[in-house]
PDB file of N, CA and C in Angstrom:
ATOM      1  N   MET A   1     138.287 -31.146 -45.517  1.00  0.00           N
ATOM      2  CA  MET A   1     136.790 -30.531 -45.198  1.00  0.00           C
ATOM      3  C   MET A   1     136.071 -31.236 -45.990  1.00  0.00           C
ATOM      4  N   ALA A   2     135.044 -31.138 -45.590  1.00  0.00           N
ATOM      5  CA  ALA A   2     133.752 -31.864 -46.431  1.00  0.00           C
ATOM      6  C   ALA A   2     133.024 -30.398 -46.766  1.00  0.00           C
ATOM      7  N   ILE A   3     132.251 -30.326 -47.955  1.00  0.00           N
ATOM      8  CA  ILE A   3     131.281 -29.202 -48.193  1.00  0.00           C
ATOM      9  C   ILE A   3     130.175 -29.914 -48.623  1.00  0.00           C
ATOM     10  N   THR A   4     128.745 -29.513 -48.129  1.00  0.00           N
ATOM     11  CA  THR A   4     127.588 -30.500 -48.432  1.00  0.00           C
ATOM     12  C   THR A   4     127.109 -29.699 -49.469  1.00  0.00           C
ATOM     13  N   GLU A   5     125.899 -30.392 -49.923  1.00  0.00           N
ATOM     14  CA  GLU A   5     125.462 -29.964 -51.023  1.00  0.00           C
ATOM     15  C   GLU A   5     124.651 -28.769 -50.874  1.00  0.00           C
ATOM     16  N   THR A   6     123.808 -28.684 -49.551  1.00  0.00           N
ATOM     17  CA  THR A   6     123.570 -27.571 -49.312  1.00  0.00           C
ATOM     18  C   THR A   6     124.145 -26.143 -49.718  1.00  0.00           C
ATOM     19  N   GLU A   7     125.594 -26.617 -49.221  1.00  0.00           N
ATOM     20  CA  GLU A   7     126.666 -25.309 -48.990  1.00  0.00           C
ATOM     21  C   GLU A   7     126.832 -24.762 -50.759  1.00  0.00           C
ATOM     22  N   VAL A   8     126.958 -25.925 -51.323  1.00  0.00           N
ATOM     23  CA  VAL A   8     127.376 -25.780 -52.830  1.00  0.00           C
ATOM     24  C   VAL A   8     126.042 -24.966 -53.472  1.00  0.00           C
ATOM     25  N   ARG A   9     124.531 -25.477 -52.950  1.00  0.00           N
ATOM     26  CA  ARG A   9     123.777 -25.037 -53.565  1.00  0.00           C
ATOM     27  C   ARG A   9     123.699 -23.402 -53.038  1.00  0.00           C
ATOM     28  N   LYS A  10     124.062 -23.046 -51.841  1.00  0.00           N
ATOM     29  CA  LYS A  10     123.923 -21.608 -51.279  1.00  0.00           C
ATOM     30  C   LYS A  10     124.928 -20.711 -51.766  1.00  0.00           C
ATOM     31  N   VAL A  11     126.619 -21.309 -52.384  1.00  0.00           N
ATOM     32  CA  VAL A  11     127.295 -20.261 -52.918  1.00  0.00           C
ATOM     33  C   VAL A  11     126.867 -20.429 -54.223  1.00  0.00           C
ATOM     34  N   ALA A  12     126.702 -21.281 -54.954  1.00  0.00           N
ATOM     35  CA  ALA A  12     126.083 -20.826 -56.390  1.00  0.00           C
ATOM     36  C   ALA A  12     124.937 -19.857 -56.578  1.00  0.00           C
ATOM     37  N   HIS A  13     123.927 -20.074 -55.588  1.00  0.00           N
ATOM     38  CA  HIS A  13     122.720 -18.842 -55.478  1.00  0.00           C
ATOM     39  C   HIS A  13     123.469 -17.555 -55.087  1.00  0.00           C
ATOM     40  N   LEU A  14     124.741 -17.302 -54.192  1.00  0.00           N
ATOM     41  CA  LEU A  14     125.294 -16.159 -54.096  1.00  0.00           C
ATOM     42  C   LEU A  14     126.095 -15.754 -55.086  1.00  0.00           C
ATOM     43  N   ALA A  15     126.574 -16.255 -55.708  1.00  0.00           N
ATOM     44  CA  ALA A  15     127.235 -16.076 -57.048  1.00  0.00           C
ATOM     45  C   ALA A  15     126.195 -16.096 -58.246  1.00  0.00           C
ATOM     46  N   ARG A  16     125.241 -16.323 -58.207  1.00  0.00           N
ATOM     47  CA  ARG A  16     123.947 -16.118 -59.227  1.00  0.00           C
ATOM     48  C   ARG A  16     124.303 -16.799 -60.368  1.00  0.00           C
ATOM     49  N   LEU A  17     124.793 -18.483 -59.861  1.00  0.00           N
ATOM     50  CA  LEU A  17     124.711 -19.273 -61.217  1.00  0.00           C
ATOM     51  C   LEU A  17     123.897 -20.222 -60.913  1.00  0.00           C
ATOM     52  N   ALA A  18     123.699 -20.487 -62.582  1.00  0.00           N
ATOM     53  CA  ALA A  18     122.234 -21.524 -62.174  1.00  0.00           C
ATOM     54  C   ALA A  18     123.182 -22.989 -62.209  1.00  0.00           C
ATOM     55  N   MET A  19     122.552 -23.584 -61.316  1.00  0.00           N
ATOM     56  CA  MET A  19     123.217 -25.186 -61.168  1.00  0.00           C
ATOM     57  C   MET A  19     122.364 -25.946 -60.864  1.00  0.00           C
ATOM     58  N   PRO A  20     122.427 -26.639 -62.457  1.00  0.00           N
ATOM     59  CA  PRO A  20     121.395 -27.714 -62.577  1.00  0.00           C
ATOM     60  C   PRO A  20     121.457 -28.971 -61.334  1.00  0.00           C
ATOM     61  N   ASP A  21     120.608 -29.657 -61.028  1.00  0.00           N
ATOM     62  CA  ASP A  21     120.732 -30.595 -60.239  1.00  0.00           C
ATOM     63  C   ASP A  21     121.413 -31.794 -60.274  1.00  0.00           C
ATOM     64  N   GLU A  22     121.583 -32.113 -61.599  1.00  0.00           N
ATOM     65  CA  GLU A  22     122.650 -33.259 -62.020  1.00  0.00           C
ATOM     66  C   GLU A  22     124.139 -32.722 -61.792  1.00  0.00           C
ATOM     67  N   TYR A  23     124.511 -31.580 -61.530  1.00  0.00           N
ATOM     68  CA  TYR A  23     126.001 -31.482 -61.209  1.00  0.00           C
ATOM     69  C   TYR A  23     126.335 -31.188 -60.052  1.00  0.00           C
ATOM     70  N   ILE A  24     125.326 -31.272 -59.041  1.00  0.00           N
ATOM     71  CA  ILE A  24     125.545 -30.724 -57.864  1.00  0.00           C
ATOM     72  C   ILE A  24     126.501 -31.973 -57.227  1.00  0.00           C
ATOM     73  N   ASP A  25     126.202 -33.232 -57.289  1.00  0.00           N
ATOM     74  CA  ASP A  25     127.204 -34.080 -56.844  1.00  0.00           C
ATOM     75  C   ASP A  25     128.297 -33.815 -56.995  1.00  0.00           C
ATOM     76  N   ALA A  26     128.529 -33.609 -58.404  1.00  0.00           N
ATOM     77  CA  ALA A  26     130.306 -33.542 -58.996  1.00  0.00           C
ATOM     78  C   ALA A  26     130.684 -32.385 -58.375  1.00  0.00           C
ATOM     79  N   TYR A  27     130.087 -30.970 -58.189  1.00  0.00           N
ATOM     80  CA  TYR A  27     130.584 -29.960 -57.577  1.00  0.00           C
ATOM     81  C   TYR A  27     130.981 -29.825 -56.247  1.00  0.00           C
ATOM     82  N   THR A  28     129.923 -30.745 -55.518  1.00  0.00           N
ATOM     83  CA  THR A  28     130.177 -30.698 -53.880  1.00  0.00           C
ATOM     84  C   THR A  28     131.748 -31.664 -53.870  1.00  0.00           C
ATOM     85  N   LYS A  29     131.868 -33.033 -55.037  1.00  0.00           N
ATOM     86  CA  LYS A  29     132.984 -33.653 -54.853  1.00  0.00           C
ATOM     87  C   LYS A  29     134.431 -33.061 -55.159  1.00  0.00           C
ATOM     88  N   ASN A  30     134.201 -31.852 -56.366  1.00  0.00           N
ATOM     89  CA  ASN A  30     135.219 -31.274 -56.603  1.00  0.00           C
ATOM     90  C   ASN A  30     135.691 -30.017 -55.840  1.00  0.00           C
ATOM     91  N   LEU A  31     134.715 -29.318 -55.053  1.00  0.00           N
ATOM     92  CA  LEU A  31     134.907 -28.519 -54.087  1.00  0.00           C
ATOM     93  C   LEU A  31     135.399 -28.885 -52.698  1.00  0.00           C
ATOM     94  N   SER A  32     135.265 -30.231 -52.315  1.00  0.00           N
ATOM     95  CA  SER A  32     135.298 -30.886 -51.061  1.00  0.00           C
ATOM     96  C   SER A  32     137.044 -31.141 -51.467  1.00  0.00           C
ATOM     97  N   ASN A  33     137.262 -31.956 -52.465  1.00  0.00           N
ATOM     98  CA  ASN A  33     138.541 -32.150 -52.998  1.00  0.00           C
ATOM     99  C   ASN A  33     139.998 -30.891 -52.985  1.00  0.00           C
ATOM    100  N   ILE A  34     139.104 -29.694 -53.241  1.00  0.00           N
ATOM    101  CA  ILE A  34     139.981 -28.357 -53.386  1.00  0.00           C
ATOM    102  C   ILE A  34     140.308 -27.999 -52.089  1.00  0.00           C
ATOM    103  N   LEU A  35     139.095 -28.169 -51.177  1.00  0.00           N
ATOM    104  CA  LEU A  35     139.622 -27.479 -49.552  1.00  0.00           C
ATOM    105  C   LEU A  35     140.031 -28.187 -49.462  1.00  0.00           C
ATOM    106  N   ASP A  36     140.216 -29.883 -49.081  1.00  0.00           N
ATOM    107  CA  ASP A  36     141.140 -30.949 -48.483  1.00  0.00           C
ATOM    108  C   ASP A  36     142.331 -30.323 -49.231  1.00  0.00           C
ATOM    109  N   LEU A  37     142.712 -30.139 -50.112  1.00  0.00           N
ATOM    110  CA  LEU A  37     143.809 -29.532 -50.806  1.00  0.00           C
ATOM    111  C   LEU A  37     144.662 -28.463 -50.024  1.00  0.00           C
ATOM    112  N   VAL A  38     143.276 -27.271 -49.915  1.00  0.00           N
ATOM    113  CA  VAL A  38     144.023 -26.297 -49.207  1.00  0.00           C
ATOM    114  C   VAL A  38     144.377 -26.271 -47.826  1.00  0.00           C
ATOM    115  N   ALA A  39     143.914 -27.428 -47.157  1.00  0.00           N
ATOM    116  CA  ALA A  39     144.127 -27.651 -45.842  1.00  0.00           C
ATOM    117  C   ALA A  39     145.340 -28.467 -45.862  1.00  0.00           C
ATOM    118  N   LYS A  40     145.744 -29.079 -46.759  1.00  0.00           N
ATOM    119  CA  LYS A  40     146.863 -29.922 -46.436  1.00  0.00           C
ATOM    120  C   LYS A  40     148.102 -29.238 -46.669  1.00  0.00           C
ATOM    121  N   MET A  41     147.901 -27.681 -47.889  1.00  0.00           N
ATOM    122  CA  MET A  41     148.849 -26.944 -48.143  1.00  0.00           C
ATOM    123  C   MET A  41     148.977 -26.063 -46.781  1.00  0.00           C
ATOM    124  N   GLU A  42     148.101 -26.068 -46.081  1.00  0.00           N
ATOM    125  CA  GLU A  42     147.980 -25.098 -44.948  1.00  0.00           C
ATOM    126  C   GLU A  42     149.177 -25.582 -43.848  1.00  0.00           C
ATOM    127  N   ALA A  43     149.296 -26.816 -43.735  1.00  0.00           N
ATOM    128  CA  ALA A  43     149.958 -27.545 -42.693  1.00  0.00           C
ATOM    129  C   ALA A  43     151.221 -27.893 -43.017  1.00  0.00           C
ATOM    130  N   VAL A  44     151.758 -27.339 -44.503  1.00  0.00           N
ATOM    131  CA  VAL A  44     153.329 -27.240 -44.758  1.00  0.00           C
ATOM    132  C   VAL A  44     153.919 -26.427 -44.046  1.00  0.00           C
ATOM    133  N   ASP A  45     155.018 -26.425 -43.440  1.00  0.00           N
ATOM    134  CA  ASP A  45     155.979 -25.822 -42.393  1.00  0.00           C
ATOM    135  C   ASP A  45     156.744 -24.592 -43.476  1.00  0.00           C
ATOM    136  N   THR A  46     156.207 -23.576 -43.636  1.00  0.00           N
ATOM    137  CA  THR A  46     156.894 -22.571 -44.428  1.00  0.00           C
ATOM    138  C   THR A  46     157.568 -21.527 -43.838  1.00  0.00           C
ATOM    139  N   ASP A  47     157.755 -21.715 -42.500  1.00  0.00           N
ATOM    140  CA  ASP A  47     158.856 -20.910 -41.791  1.00  0.00           C
ATOM    141  C   ASP A  47     160.420 -20.813 -42.182  1.00  0.00           C
ATOM    142  N   GLY A  48     160.947 -19.646 -43.034  1.00  0.00           N
ATOM    143  CA  GLY A  48     162.157 -19.306 -43.544  1.00  0.00           C
ATOM    144  C   GLY A  48     161.847 -19.473 -44.720  1.00  0.00           C
ATOM    145  N   VAL A  49     161.147 -19.646 -45.289  1.00  0.00           N
ATOM    146  CA  VAL A  49     160.829 -19.520 -46.979  1.00  0.00           C
ATOM    147  C   VAL A  49     160.655 -18.143 -47.020  1.00  0.00           C
ATOM    148  N   ALA A  50     161.316 -17.822 -48.137  1.00  0.00           N
ATOM    149  CA  ALA A  50     161.264 -16.669 -48.802  1.00  0.00           C
ATOM    150  C   ALA A  50     160.252 -16.803 -49.901  1.00  0.00           C
ATOM    151  N   PRO A  51     159.136 -15.440 -49.834  1.00  0.00           N
ATOM    152  CA  PRO A  51     158.222 -15.572 -50.698  1.00  0.00           C
ATOM    153  C   PRO A  51     158.985 -15.547 -52.296  1.00  0.00           C
ATOM    154  N   MET A  52     158.739 -15.761 -53.255  1.00  0.00           N
ATOM    155  CA  MET A  52     159.218 -15.875 -54.348  1.00  0.00           C
ATOM    156  C   MET A  52     157.965 -15.074 -55.742  1.00  0.00           C
ATOM    157  N   ALA A  53     158.700 -14.417 -56.521  1.00  0.00           N
ATOM    158  CA  ALA A  53     157.520 -13.682 -57.629  1.00  0.00           C
ATOM    159  C   ALA A  53     157.664 -15.143 -58.672  1.00  0.00           C
ATOM    160  N   HIS A  54     158.135 -15.601 -58.630  1.00  0.00           N
ATOM    161  CA  HIS A  54     158.592 -16.994 -59.581  1.00  0.00           C
ATOM    162  C   HIS A  54     158.840 -18.042 -59.251  1.00  0.00           C
ATOM    163  N   PRO A  55     158.516 -19.358 -59.289  1.00  0.00           N
ATOM    164  CA  PRO A  55     159.152 -20.582 -59.047  1.00  0.00           C
ATOM    165  C   PRO A  55     160.695 -20.594 -59.757  1.00  0.00           C
ATOM    166  N   LEU A  56     160.882 -20.138 -60.491  1.00  0.00           N
ATOM    167  CA  LEU A  56     162.155 -20.374 -61.208  1.00  0.00           C
ATOM    168  C   LEU A  56     163.303 -19.217 -60.833  1.00  0.00           C
ATOM    169  N   ASP A  57     164.243 -19.127 -60.326  1.00  0.00           N
ATOM    170  CA  ASP A  57     165.159 -17.811 -59.714  1.00  0.00           C
ATOM    171  C   ASP A  57     165.838 -17.681 -60.904  1.00  0.00           C
ATOM    172  N   MET A  58     165.132 -16.872 -61.966  1.00  0.00           N
ATOM    173  CA  MET A  58     166.061 -16.509 -63.470  1.00  0.00           C
ATOM    174  C   MET A  58     165.479 -14.850 -63.484  1.00  0.00           C
ATOM    175  N   MET A  59     166.783 -14.254 -63.892  1.00  0.00           N
ATOM    176  CA  MET A  59     166.518 -12.756 -64.359  1.00  0.00           C
ATOM    177  C   MET A  59     165.592 -12.584 -65.856  1.00  0.00           C
ATOM    178  N   GLN A  60     165.021 -11.761 -65.882  1.00  0.00           N
ATOM    179  CA  GLN A  60     164.052 -11.745 -67.362  1.00  0.00           C
ATOM    180  C   GLN A  60     164.784 -10.810 -68.276  1.00  0.00           C
ATOM    181  N   ARG A  61     164.948 -11.530 -69.202  1.00  0.00           N
ATOM    182  CA  ARG A  61     165.800 -10.933 -70.564  1.00  0.00           C
ATOM    183  C   ARG A  61     164.862  -9.881 -71.312  1.00  0.00           C
ATOM    184  N   LEU A  62     165.346  -8.754 -71.081  1.00  0.00           N
ATOM    185  CA  LEU A  62     164.158  -7.436 -71.557  1.00  0.00           C
ATOM    186  C   LEU A  62     165.513  -6.844 -72.608  1.00  0.00           C
ATOM    187  N   ARG A  63     164.407  -6.536 -73.600  1.00  0.00           N
ATOM    188  CA  ARG A  63     165.203  -5.574 -74.530  1.00  0.00           C
ATOM    189  C   ARG A  63     165.676  -4.381 -74.323  1.00  0.00           C
ATOM    190  N   ALA A  64     166.755  -3.666 -74.965  1.00  0.00           N
ATOM    191  CA  ALA A  64     167.159  -2.172 -74.708  1.00  0.00           C
ATOM    192  C   ALA A  64     165.881  -1.337 -74.896  1.00  0.00           C
ATOM    193  N   ASP A  65     165.675  -0.537 -74.077  1.00  0.00           N
ATOM    194  CA  ASP A  65     164.457   0.484 -74.234  1.00  0.00           C
ATOM    195  C   ASP A  65     165.171   1.630 -75.453  1.00  0.00           C
ATOM    196  N   VAL A  66     164.970   1.633 -76.720  1.00  0.00           N
ATOM    197  CA  VAL A  66     165.152   2.553 -77.580  1.00  0.00           C
ATOM    198  C   VAL A  66     164.420   2.446 -78.586  1.00  0.00           C
ATOM    199  N   VAL A  67     164.121   4.189 -79.203  1.00  0.00           N
ATOM    200  CA  VAL A  67     163.358   4.278 -80.335  1.00  0.00           C
ATOM    201  C   VAL A  67     163.381   3.467 -81.378  1.00  0.00           C
ATOM    202  N   THR A  68     162.465   2.979 -82.128  1.00  0.00           N
ATOM    203  CA  THR A  68     162.670   2.058 -83.108  1.00  0.00           C
ATOM    204  C   THR A  68     161.929   2.939 -84.235  1.00  0.00           C
ATOM    205  N   GLU A  69     161.257   4.044 -84.470  1.00  0.00           N
ATOM    206  CA  GLU A  69     160.295   4.401 -85.225  1.00  0.00           C
ATOM    207  C   GLU A  69     160.838   5.946 -85.396  1.00  0.00           C
ATOM    208  N   THR A  70     160.598   6.272 -86.281  1.00  0.00           N
ATOM    209  CA  THR A  70     160.711   7.748 -86.666  1.00  0.00           C
ATOM    210  C   THR A  70     159.628   8.707 -86.338  1.00  0.00           C
ATOM    211  N   ASN A  71     159.571   9.867 -86.110  1.00  0.00           N
ATOM    212  CA  ASN A  71     158.726  10.626 -85.763  1.00  0.00           C
ATOM    213  C   ASN A  71     157.730  11.236 -87.208  1.00  0.00           C
ATOM    214  N   GLN A  72     156.772  10.530 -87.404  1.00  0.00           N
ATOM    215  CA  GLN A  72     156.116  11.038 -88.177  1.00  0.00           C
ATOM    216  C   GLN A  72     154.659  11.747 -87.979  1.00  0.00           C
ATOM    217  N   ARG A  73     154.896  12.850 -87.333  1.00  0.00           N
ATOM    218  CA  ARG A  73     153.977  13.631 -86.739  1.00  0.00           C
ATOM    219  C   ARG A  73     153.609  14.686 -87.774  1.00  0.00           C
ATOM    220  N   ASP A  74     154.275  15.171 -88.781  1.00  0.00           N
ATOM    221  CA  ASP A  74     154.075  16.129 -89.840  1.00  0.00           C
ATOM    222  C   ASP A  74     153.446  15.369 -90.709  1.00  0.00           C
ATOM    223  N   TYR A  75     153.830  14.218 -91.237  1.00  0.00           N
ATOM    224  CA  TYR A  75     153.074  13.010 -92.248  1.00  0.00           C
ATOM    225  C   TYR A  75     151.713  13.298 -91.986  1.00  0.00           C
ATOM    226  N   TYR A  76     151.388  12.860 -90.410  1.00  0.00           N
ATOM    227  CA  TYR A  76     149.804  12.224 -90.037  1.00  0.00           C
ATOM    228  C   TYR A  76     148.991  13.546 -89.920  1.00  0.00           C
ATOM    229  N   GLN A  77     149.658  15.032 -89.648  1.00  0.00           N
ATOM    230  CA  GLN A  77     149.074  15.873 -89.783  1.00  0.00           C
ATOM    231  C   GLN A  77     148.694  16.768 -90.739  1.00  0.00           C
ATOM    232  N   GLN A  78     149.226  16.449 -92.014  1.00  0.00           N
ATOM    233  CA  GLN A  78     148.942  16.873 -93.451  1.00  0.00           C
ATOM    234  C   GLN A  78     147.244  16.726 -93.827  1.00  0.00           C
ATOM    235  N   ILE A  79     146.597  15.732 -92.952  1.00  0.00           N
ATOM    236  CA  ILE A  79     145.264  15.812 -93.346  1.00  0.00           C
ATOM    237  C   ILE A  79     144.412  16.717 -92.244  1.00  0.00           C
ATOM    238  N   ALA A  80     145.108  16.914 -91.372  1.00  0.00           N
ATOM    239  CA  ALA A  80     144.179  17.767 -90.006  1.00  0.00           C
ATOM    240  C   ALA A  80     143.875  18.884 -90.619  1.00  0.00           C
ATOM    241  N   PRO A  81     142.745  19.530 -90.467  1.00  0.00           N
ATOM    242  CA  PRO A  81     141.662  20.603 -90.839  1.00  0.00           C
ATOM    243  C   PRO A  81     142.587  21.767 -90.602  1.00  0.00           C
ATOM    244  N   GLU A  82     143.301  21.620 -89.158  1.00  0.00           N
ATOM    245  CA  GLU A  82     143.968  22.563 -88.317  1.00  0.00           C
ATOM    246  C   GLU A  82     144.886  22.129 -87.262  1.00  0.00           C
ATOM    247  N   THR A  83     146.360  22.907 -87.460  1.00  0.00           N
ATOM    248  CA  THR A  83     147.346  22.475 -86.550  1.00  0.00           C
ATOM    249  C   THR A  83     148.043  23.696 -86.046  1.00  0.00           C
ATOM    250  N   GLU A  84     148.601  23.651 -85.071  1.00  0.00           N
ATOM    251  CA  GLU A  84     149.735  24.756 -84.475  1.00  0.00           C
ATOM    252  C   GLU A  84     150.738  24.430 -83.813  1.00  0.00           C
ATOM    253  N   ASN A  85     151.880  24.434 -83.903  1.00  0.00           N
ATOM    254  CA  ASN A  85     152.873  23.898 -83.363  1.00  0.00           C
ATOM    255  C   ASN A  85     153.085  22.529 -83.237  1.00  0.00           C
ATOM    256  N   GLY A  86     152.499  21.594 -83.973  1.00  0.00           N
ATOM    257  CA  GLY A  86     152.419  20.211 -83.854  1.00  0.00           C
ATOM    258  C   GLY A  86     151.366  19.679 -82.985  1.00  0.00           C
ATOM    259  N   LEU A  87     150.098  20.422 -82.912  1.00  0.00           N
ATOM    260  CA  LEU A  87     149.020  20.387 -82.218  1.00  0.00           C
ATOM    261  C   LEU A  87     148.171  20.442 -82.965  1.00  0.00           C
ATOM    262  N   TYR A  88     146.934  19.714 -82.597  1.00  0.00           N
ATOM    263  CA  TYR A  88     145.668  19.463 -83.469  1.00  0.00           C
ATOM    264  C   TYR A  88     144.884  20.525 -82.885  1.00  0.00           C
ATOM    265  N   LEU A  89     144.166  21.363 -83.423  1.00  0.00           N
ATOM    266  CA  LEU A  89     143.378  22.394 -83.188  1.00  0.00           C
ATOM    267  C   LEU A  89     141.949  21.820 -83.773  1.00  0.00           C
ATOM    268  N   VAL A  90     141.086  21.913 -82.470  1.00  0.00           N
ATOM    269  CA  VAL A  90     139.983  21.037 -82.665  1.00  0.00           C
ATOM    270  C   VAL A  90     138.825  22.555 -82.013  1.00  0.00           C
ATOM    271  N   PRO A  91     137.836  22.396 -82.939  1.00  0.00           N
ATOM    272  CA  PRO A  91     136.357  23.691 -82.331  1.00  0.00           C
ATOM    273  C   PRO A  91     136.104  23.346 -80.875  1.00  0.00           C
ATOM    274  N   LYS A  92     135.844  24.326 -80.350  1.00  0.00           N
ATOM    275  CA  LYS A  92     135.444  24.519 -79.052  1.00  0.00           C
ATOM    276  C   LYS A  92     134.041  24.277 -78.895  1.00  0.00           C
ATOM    277  N   VAL A  93     133.992  23.089 -77.922  1.00  0.00           N
ATOM    278  CA  VAL A  93     132.700  22.651 -77.781  1.00  0.00           C
ATOM    279  C   VAL A  93     131.750  23.105 -76.302  1.00  0.00           C
ATOM    280  N   LEU A  94     132.618  23.791 -75.738  1.00  0.00           N
ATOM    281  CA  LEU A  94     131.806  23.935 -74.398  1.00  0.00           C
ATOM    282  C   LEU A  94     132.141  25.272 -74.184  1.00  0.00           C
ATOM    283  N   GLU A  95     131.302  26.358 -74.047  1.00  0.00           N
ATOM    284  CA  GLU A  95     131.194  27.438 -73.917  1.00  0.00           C
ATOM    285  C   GLU A  95     131.570  28.434 -72.287  1.00  0.00           C
TER     286      GLU A  95
END
């Protein structure tokens, strides 16, 4: 599928892209090549092919979900002006 220079200019305008005249030919050729590739891909028979999330059928190695840091709430709350039951107390801002 070929795309024309007029269509490239129109798409660039709709996307609000500044398209210098010296780039129009190159963009026209590149977009035409991309559309040709998409047309070839659409022609491939994919019936019976299961969708995959990744081309390699492997399990992802995950680390164990364990706590690795100690609770330091009391240490961090030492500098707070006011705390109560492990919570920061802040002044009321709305009446």
